[in-house]
Amino acid sequence: MESWIELLKILIPAALVVYAAYLLVRSFIVRDLELKRMEVRNKSIETVLPLRLQAYERMTLFLERIHPHNLLVRVNPGNIPARDFQQLLLSEIRNEYNHNVSQQVFMSSQVWELIRNAKEDLVLTINEAAAELNGEATSLDLSRKIFERYLAKPDAIQHAIEQVKQEIQQTF
């Protein structure tokens, strides 16, 4: 019996020392893993942040380029039939959108939805304005009709730009 007590006198302190060493090593490993996670996260931020900012910049530029005030002036080739001008405008919007569609991965789905809705709203406005014109209407007539229709409702493009800016501000 006495040998058991002597054995316990040795084993209990040894077990306490092993347990303390385990806790110490475990805390070092956890801290090291957390540091590595933070390092990977920081490197990720260094890589992704410029790409996100560039995406916001490109989508703001897209929205500015398709705004009727800019689009109609930039794309107007002169006095052509309204139907041809309508197709030219829709093609320009589609090309701009397709060029920038990959930027959606860098922004929230809510902001991307606003951007898409603003584009679709403009396409709808152009098509509705063209439908109101007769066959002899010119690009100037269509431009005037688009401005009238666009000014008669809330500016979806400007709202989308404001939301993009707000999301950028939340990033910083």
Protein backbone atom coordinates (compact mmCIF):
# COMPACT_ATOMS: atom_id res chain seq x y z
CA MET A 1 0.00 0.00 0.00
CA GLU A 2 2.82 2.32 0.86
CA SER A 3 4.36 1.78 -2.57
CA TRP A 4 1.10 2.95 -4.16
CA ILE A 5 1.19 6.13 -2.15
CA GLU A 6 4.79 6.73 -3.18
CA LEU A 7 3.85 6.06 -6.79
CA LEU A 8 0.94 8.54 -6.55
CA LYS A 9 3.29 11.13 -5.02
CA ILE A 10 5.36 10.90 -8.17
CA LEU A 11 2.57 10.47 -10.74
CA ILE A 12 0.29 13.31 -9.57
CA PRO A 13 2.96 16.05 -9.82
CA ALA A 14 4.19 14.54 -13.10
CA ALA A 15 0.63 14.53 -14.48
CA LEU A 16 0.20 18.16 -13.40
CA VAL A 17 3.43 19.11 -15.13
CA VAL A 18 2.42 17.27 -18.33
CA TYR A 19 -1.04 18.94 -18.23
CA ALA A 20 0.51 22.38 -17.72
CA ALA A 21 2.91 21.72 -20.62
CA TYR A 22 -0.04 20.62 -22.76
CA LEU A 23 -1.95 23.81 -21.98
CA LEU A 24 1.11 25.95 -22.69
CA VAL A 25 1.87 24.26 -26.02
CA ARG A 26 -1.81 24.38 -26.98
CA SER A 27 -2.00 28.12 -26.29
CA PHE A 28 1.13 28.70 -28.41
CA ILE A 29 -0.33 26.68 -31.27
CA VAL A 30 -3.70 28.47 -31.09
CA ARG A 31 -1.96 31.85 -31.03
CA ASP A 32 0.28 30.85 -33.94
CA LEU A 33 -2.71 29.67 -35.99
CA GLU A 34 -4.55 32.91 -35.25
CA LEU A 35 -1.52 34.94 -36.36
CA LYS A 36 -1.29 32.93 -39.57
CA ARG A 37 -5.03 33.46 -40.19
CA MET A 38 -4.62 37.20 -39.66
CA GLU A 39 -1.61 37.25 -41.98
CA VAL A 40 -3.55 35.44 -44.73
CA ARG A 41 -6.51 37.78 -44.19
CA ASN A 42 -4.28 40.86 -44.42
CA LYS A 43 -2.67 39.57 -47.63
CA SER A 44 -6.13 38.86 -48.98
CA ILE A 45 -7.26 42.37 -48.13
CA GLU A 46 -4.14 43.80 -49.79
CA THR A 47 -5.04 41.90 -52.95
CA VAL A 48 -8.82 42.20 -52.96
CA LEU A 49 -9.26 45.78 -51.76
CA PRO A 50 -7.71 47.40 -54.85
CA LEU A 51 -9.79 45.10 -57.05
CA ARG A 52 -12.96 46.01 -55.15
CA LEU A 53 -12.22 49.71 -55.47
CA GLN A 54 -11.55 49.27 -59.17
CA ALA A 55 -14.88 47.41 -59.53
CA TYR A 56 -16.74 50.23 -57.81
CA GLU A 57 -14.96 52.73 -60.01
CA ARG A 58 -15.79 50.81 -63.17
CA MET A 59 -19.44 50.41 -62.22
CA THR A 60 -19.73 54.10 -61.41
CA LEU A 61 -18.20 54.86 -64.80
CA PHE A 62 -20.64 52.41 -66.41
CA LEU A 63 -23.59 54.14 -64.76
CA GLU A 64 -22.30 57.56 -65.78
CA ARG A 65 -21.75 56.41 -69.36
CA ILE A 66 -25.28 55.03 -69.72
CA HIS A 67 -26.97 58.03 -68.08
CA PRO A 68 -29.15 59.59 -70.80
CA HIS A 69 -27.44 62.97 -70.47
CA ASN A 70 -24.13 61.36 -71.40
CA LEU A 71 -25.27 58.46 -73.57
CA LEU A 72 -27.40 60.46 -75.98
CA VAL A 73 -24.69 63.04 -76.56
CA ARG A 74 -21.86 60.51 -76.88
CA VAL A 75 -23.62 58.05 -79.17
CA ASN A 76 -25.62 60.39 -81.39
CA PRO A 77 -24.22 59.93 -84.92
CA GLY A 78 -26.32 62.70 -86.42
CA ASN A 79 -29.72 62.78 -88.00
CA ILE A 80 -30.58 59.08 -88.50
CA PRO A 81 -33.92 57.27 -88.24
CA ALA A 82 -35.19 56.81 -84.67
CA ARG A 83 -35.34 52.99 -84.98
CA ASP A 84 -31.67 52.84 -85.99
CA PHE A 85 -30.74 55.16 -83.15
CA GLN A 86 -32.73 53.02 -80.72
CA GLN A 87 -30.79 49.94 -81.78
CA LEU A 88 -27.52 51.85 -81.53
CA LEU A 89 -28.35 52.99 -77.99
CA LEU A 90 -29.40 49.52 -76.87
CA SER A 91 -26.28 48.02 -78.39
CA GLU A 92 -24.08 50.56 -76.59
CA ILE A 93 -25.76 49.84 -73.24
CA ARG A 94 -25.50 46.09 -73.78
CA ASN A 95 -21.80 46.33 -74.72
CA GLU A 96 -21.00 48.52 -71.70
CA TYR A 97 -22.86 46.14 -69.40
CA ASN A 98 -21.24 43.00 -70.82
CA HIS A 99 -17.83 44.62 -70.49
CA ASN A 100 -18.39 45.23 -66.77
CA VAL A 101 -20.58 42.31 -65.69
CA SER A 102 -17.70 40.49 -63.97
CA GLN A 103 -17.38 43.33 -61.45
CA GLN A 104 -20.42 42.02 -59.60
CA VAL A 105 -18.27 39.59 -57.63
CA PHE A 106 -16.69 42.50 -55.75
CA MET A 107 -19.88 44.20 -54.56
CA SER A 108 -22.92 43.32 -52.55
CA SER A 109 -25.85 41.69 -54.29
CA GLN A 110 -28.09 44.61 -53.27
CA VAL A 111 -25.90 47.17 -55.05
CA TRP A 112 -25.47 44.92 -58.06
CA GLU A 113 -29.26 44.53 -58.25
CA LEU A 114 -29.65 48.33 -58.22
CA ILE A 115 -27.13 48.65 -61.05
CA ARG A 116 -28.91 45.99 -63.10
CA ASN A 117 -32.29 47.56 -62.42
CA ALA A 118 -31.00 51.00 -63.45
CA LYS A 119 -29.78 49.55 -66.74
CA GLU A 120 -33.04 47.71 -67.34
CA ASP A 121 -35.02 50.84 -66.47
CA LEU A 122 -33.10 52.82 -69.07
CA VAL A 123 -33.60 50.11 -71.71
CA LEU A 124 -37.32 50.12 -70.95
CA THR A 125 -37.42 53.92 -71.18
CA ILE A 126 -35.68 53.86 -74.57
CA ASN A 127 -38.02 51.18 -75.90
CA GLU A 128 -41.13 52.95 -74.62
CA ALA A 129 -39.97 56.27 -76.08
CA ALA A 130 -39.28 54.62 -79.45
CA ALA A 131 -42.69 52.96 -79.45
CA GLU A 132 -44.36 56.38 -79.12
CA LEU A 133 -42.73 57.71 -82.30
CA ASN A 134 -43.89 57.31 -85.88
CA GLY A 135 -41.84 55.78 -88.69
CA GLU A 136 -40.37 59.10 -89.90
CA ALA A 137 -39.01 60.16 -86.50
CA THR A 138 -35.32 61.00 -86.25
CA SER A 139 -32.69 60.42 -83.61
CA LEU A 140 -33.33 63.94 -82.34
CA ASP A 141 -37.01 63.12 -81.80
CA LEU A 142 -36.11 59.93 -79.98
CA SER A 143 -33.55 61.75 -77.82
CA ARG A 144 -36.15 64.34 -76.84
CA LYS A 145 -38.69 61.62 -76.01
CA ILE A 146 -36.14 59.69 -73.92
CA PHE A 147 -35.29 62.83 -71.94
CA GLU A 148 -38.96 63.56 -71.33
CA ARG A 149 -39.68 60.03 -70.12
CA TYR A 150 -36.50 59.81 -68.06
CA LEU A 151 -37.10 63.12 -66.31
CA ALA A 152 -40.67 62.13 -65.48
CA LYS A 153 -39.60 59.37 -63.06
CA PRO A 154 -37.04 58.88 -60.28
CA ASP A 155 -33.43 58.74 -61.46
CA ALA A 156 -32.54 55.05 -60.96
CA ILE A 157 -29.02 55.55 -62.29
CA GLN A 158 -28.24 58.34 -59.83
CA HIS A 159 -29.71 56.26 -57.01
CA ALA A 160 -27.46 53.33 -57.97
CA ILE A 161 -24.42 55.64 -58.04
CA GLU A 162 -25.28 56.89 -54.55
CA GLN A 163 -25.57 53.31 -53.27
CA VAL A 164 -22.20 52.40 -54.81
CA LYS A 165 -20.63 55.38 -53.04
CA GLN A 166 -22.29 54.43 -49.78
CA GLU A 167 -20.98 50.87 -50.03
CA ILE A 168 -17.46 52.17 -50.67
CA GLN A 169 -17.71 54.36 -47.57
CA GLN A 170 -18.79 51.34 -45.52
CA THR A 171 -15.67 49.51 -46.70
CA PHE A 172 -13.46 52.14 -45.09
